[in-house]
Amino acid sequence: MPIAAAYLAMVLIWCTTPLAIKWSGEGPGYLFAATARMTIGALCGWLLMLATRTRLPLDYRAQRHYLAGALGIFGAMLL
């Protein structure tokens, strides 16, 4: 993956931090803000995979890793 594409993906995901803070403080609540931020990140990753024509491994072992990572990240965002 080119460095510029990785940088752009990180900027797109990190720019949602102020939005999540605003949503958790004024809007629908913290759970919505965390879920929306995770969804935006997943969408950015999916679009980047489409642009680079990278396949996502979906075997059993890979799915276990995805689940462990998602639970860890989502759990950390809820703290």
Protein backbone atom coordinates (compact mmCIF):
# COMPACT_ATOMS: atom_id res chain seq x y z
CA MET A 1 0.00 0.00 0.00
CA PRO A 2 1.39 3.41 -0.88
CA ILE A 3 2.30 5.59 2.06
CA ALA A 4 0.03 8.38 0.81
CA ALA A 5 -3.01 6.07 0.81
CA ALA A 6 -2.26 4.85 4.33
CA TYR A 7 -1.81 8.44 5.50
CA LEU A 8 -5.09 9.51 3.91
CA ALA A 9 -6.94 6.60 5.54
CA MET A 10 -5.56 7.52 8.98
CA VAL A 11 -6.49 11.19 8.52
CA LEU A 12 -10.04 10.22 7.51
CA ILE A 13 -10.44 8.01 10.57
CA TRP A 14 -8.77 10.39 13.04
CA CYS A 15 -10.77 13.38 11.82
CA THR A 16 -13.85 11.72 13.30
CA THR A 17 -12.54 12.28 16.85
CA PRO A 18 -14.06 15.78 17.28
CA LEU A 19 -17.28 14.53 15.74
CA ALA A 20 -17.44 11.62 18.19
CA ILE A 21 -16.76 13.97 21.11
CA LYS A 22 -19.57 16.27 20.00
CA TRP A 23 -21.98 13.37 19.51
CA SER A 24 -21.17 11.85 22.89
CA GLY A 25 -21.58 15.17 24.72
CA GLU A 26 -24.58 16.72 23.02
CA GLY A 27 -26.19 14.22 20.74
CA PRO A 28 -27.51 10.69 20.90
CA GLY A 29 -24.92 9.44 23.37
CA TYR A 30 -21.54 7.86 23.78
CA LEU A 31 -22.45 4.41 22.45
CA PHE A 32 -23.73 5.93 19.20
CA ALA A 33 -20.57 8.02 18.85
CA ALA A 34 -18.29 5.00 19.35
CA THR A 35 -20.33 2.82 16.99
CA ALA A 36 -20.47 5.54 14.33
CA ARG A 37 -16.72 6.04 14.53
CA MET A 38 -16.09 2.31 14.18
CA THR A 39 -18.47 2.19 11.21
CA ILE A 40 -16.74 5.11 9.51
CA GLY A 41 -13.38 3.42 10.05
CA ALA A 42 -14.65 0.13 8.64
CA LEU A 43 -16.10 1.92 5.61
CA CYS A 44 -12.78 3.71 4.99
CA GLY A 45 -10.95 0.39 5.23
CA TRP A 46 -13.39 -1.29 2.87
CA LEU A 47 -13.06 1.53 0.32
CA LEU A 48 -9.28 1.37 0.56
CA MET A 49 -9.39 -2.38 -0.04
CA LEU A 50 -11.56 -1.82 -3.11
CA ALA A 51 -9.18 0.84 -4.43
CA THR A 52 -6.13 -1.39 -3.98
CA ARG A 53 -7.96 -4.57 -5.06
CA THR A 54 -6.96 -6.35 -1.87
CA ARG A 55 -8.98 -9.38 -0.79
CA LEU A 56 -10.04 -9.77 2.83
CA PRO A 57 -9.26 -13.26 4.14
CA LEU A 58 -12.44 -14.77 5.57
CA ASP A 59 -11.20 -18.13 6.82
CA TYR A 60 -12.00 -19.25 10.37
CA ARG A 61 -8.64 -18.19 11.82
CA ALA A 62 -8.83 -14.73 10.24
CA GLN A 63 -12.37 -14.21 11.53
CA ARG A 64 -11.23 -15.05 15.07
CA HIS A 65 -8.52 -12.41 14.76
CA TYR A 66 -11.00 -9.84 13.45
CA LEU A 67 -13.37 -10.54 16.33
CA ALA A 68 -10.61 -10.26 18.94
CA GLY A 69 -9.38 -6.99 17.44
CA ALA A 70 -12.87 -5.52 17.14
CA LEU A 71 -13.78 -6.39 20.73
CA GLY A 72 -10.52 -4.93 22.01
CA ILE A 73 -10.82 -1.68 20.08
CA PHE A 74 -14.54 -1.22 20.74
CA GLY A 75 -14.07 -2.07 24.42
CA ALA A 76 -11.28 0.48 24.72
CA MET A 77 -13.44 3.14 23.07
CA LEU A 78 -16.20 2.53 25.61
CA LEU A 79 -13.92 3.14 28.61
